[in-house]
Amino acid sequence: MDLREDPSGPPGLFNSDCFYNATGAATWVTAMALTGYVFANEVATLLDYFEEASWILAGGLFGLAYWIWYRQKKNFKKRKETKKAA
């Protein structure tokens, strides 16, 4: 068999790959459209939740950055003192 031959059959609309791709696309579009329809009246509420969550996330990231900085500073002082002692 030549490498250029397609063992799944001739390309076309009823090829299995095309069928699965179209089915997946239709499922995805339907899910997104229904989600938009359900939450259309709740956009303001969702934006409030996202704003609150973003402040919480920003505070958590700031706290994590401070903790990492503090730990690195402490480790640097330890290494500096060990070098002086040696």
Protein backbone atom coordinates (compact mmCIF):
# COMPACT_ATOMS: atom_id res chain seq x y z
CA MET A 1 0.00 0.00 0.00
CA ASP A 2 1.29 3.42 -0.94
CA LEU A 3 1.62 6.02 1.83
CA ARG A 4 -0.47 8.47 -0.17
CA GLU A 5 -3.49 6.20 -0.13
CA ASP A 6 -6.15 6.84 2.50
CA PRO A 7 -7.27 3.51 3.99
CA SER A 8 -10.48 5.01 5.40
CA GLY A 9 -11.97 5.55 1.96
CA PRO A 10 -12.44 8.44 -0.39
CA PRO A 11 -12.67 11.91 1.12
CA GLY A 12 -16.08 13.48 1.12
CA LEU A 13 -18.99 14.65 3.17
CA PHE A 14 -19.78 11.21 4.59
CA ASN A 15 -16.22 10.42 5.66
CA SER A 16 -16.24 9.39 9.34
CA ASP A 17 -13.80 12.16 10.35
CA CYS A 18 -16.00 14.77 8.74
CA PHE A 19 -19.08 13.35 10.46
CA TYR A 20 -17.47 13.40 13.92
CA ASN A 21 -16.10 16.88 13.35
CA ALA A 22 -19.53 18.21 12.31
CA THR A 23 -21.24 16.47 15.24
CA GLY A 24 -18.75 17.91 17.70
CA ALA A 25 -19.10 21.41 16.23
CA ALA A 26 -22.91 21.22 16.38
CA THR A 27 -22.77 20.06 20.02
CA TRP A 28 -20.36 22.87 20.96
CA VAL A 29 -22.43 25.56 19.23
CA THR A 30 -25.63 24.31 20.85
CA ALA A 31 -24.05 24.27 24.31
CA MET A 32 -22.67 27.82 23.91
CA ALA A 33 -25.96 29.16 22.52
CA LEU A 34 -27.98 27.63 25.38
CA THR A 35 -25.52 28.97 27.95
CA GLY A 36 -25.82 32.45 26.46
CA TYR A 37 -29.60 32.22 26.42
CA VAL A 38 -29.79 31.09 30.05
CA PHE A 39 -27.36 33.70 31.42
CA ALA A 40 -28.40 36.64 29.20
CA ASN A 41 -30.37 38.32 31.97
CA GLU A 42 -27.68 37.66 34.58
CA VAL A 43 -24.77 39.48 32.94
CA ALA A 44 -24.61 42.24 35.58
CA THR A 45 -24.64 39.68 38.41
CA LEU A 46 -21.96 37.59 36.73
CA LEU A 47 -19.77 40.67 36.23
CA ASP A 48 -20.10 41.50 39.93
CA TYR A 49 -19.00 37.97 40.83
CA PHE A 50 -16.04 38.18 38.44
CA GLU A 51 -14.99 41.53 39.91
CA GLU A 52 -15.11 40.16 43.45
CA ALA A 53 -13.21 37.04 42.43
CA SER A 54 -10.55 39.12 40.69
CA TRP A 55 -9.89 41.10 43.88
CA ILE A 56 -9.61 37.88 45.88
CA LEU A 57 -7.27 36.41 43.27
CA ALA A 58 -5.13 39.57 43.22
CA GLY A 59 -4.87 39.52 47.02
CA GLY A 60 -3.90 35.86 47.02
CA LEU A 61 -1.22 36.40 44.37
CA PHE A 62 0.16 39.38 46.30
CA GLY A 63 0.29 37.31 49.49
CA LEU A 64 2.02 34.45 47.68
CA ALA A 65 4.59 36.82 46.15
CA TYR A 66 5.30 38.37 49.56
CA TRP A 67 5.71 34.94 51.15
CA ILE A 68 8.17 33.83 48.42
CA TRP A 69 10.12 37.10 48.73
CA TYR A 70 10.30 36.79 52.53
CA ARG A 71 11.48 33.17 52.33
CA GLN A 72 14.15 34.02 49.76
CA LYS A 73 15.33 36.96 51.88
CA LYS A 74 15.63 34.70 54.96
CA ASN A 75 17.52 32.03 52.99
CA PHE A 76 19.87 34.67 51.55
CA LYS A 77 20.71 35.94 55.06
CA LYS A 78 21.38 32.36 56.23
CA ARG A 79 23.74 31.70 53.33
CA LYS A 80 25.52 35.01 53.90
CA GLU A 81 26.04 34.21 57.60
CA THR A 82 27.30 30.70 56.79
CA LYS A 83 29.82 32.13 54.33
CA LYS A 84 31.11 34.60 56.93
CA ALA A 85 31.49 31.82 59.52
CA ALA A 86 33.44 29.60 57.14
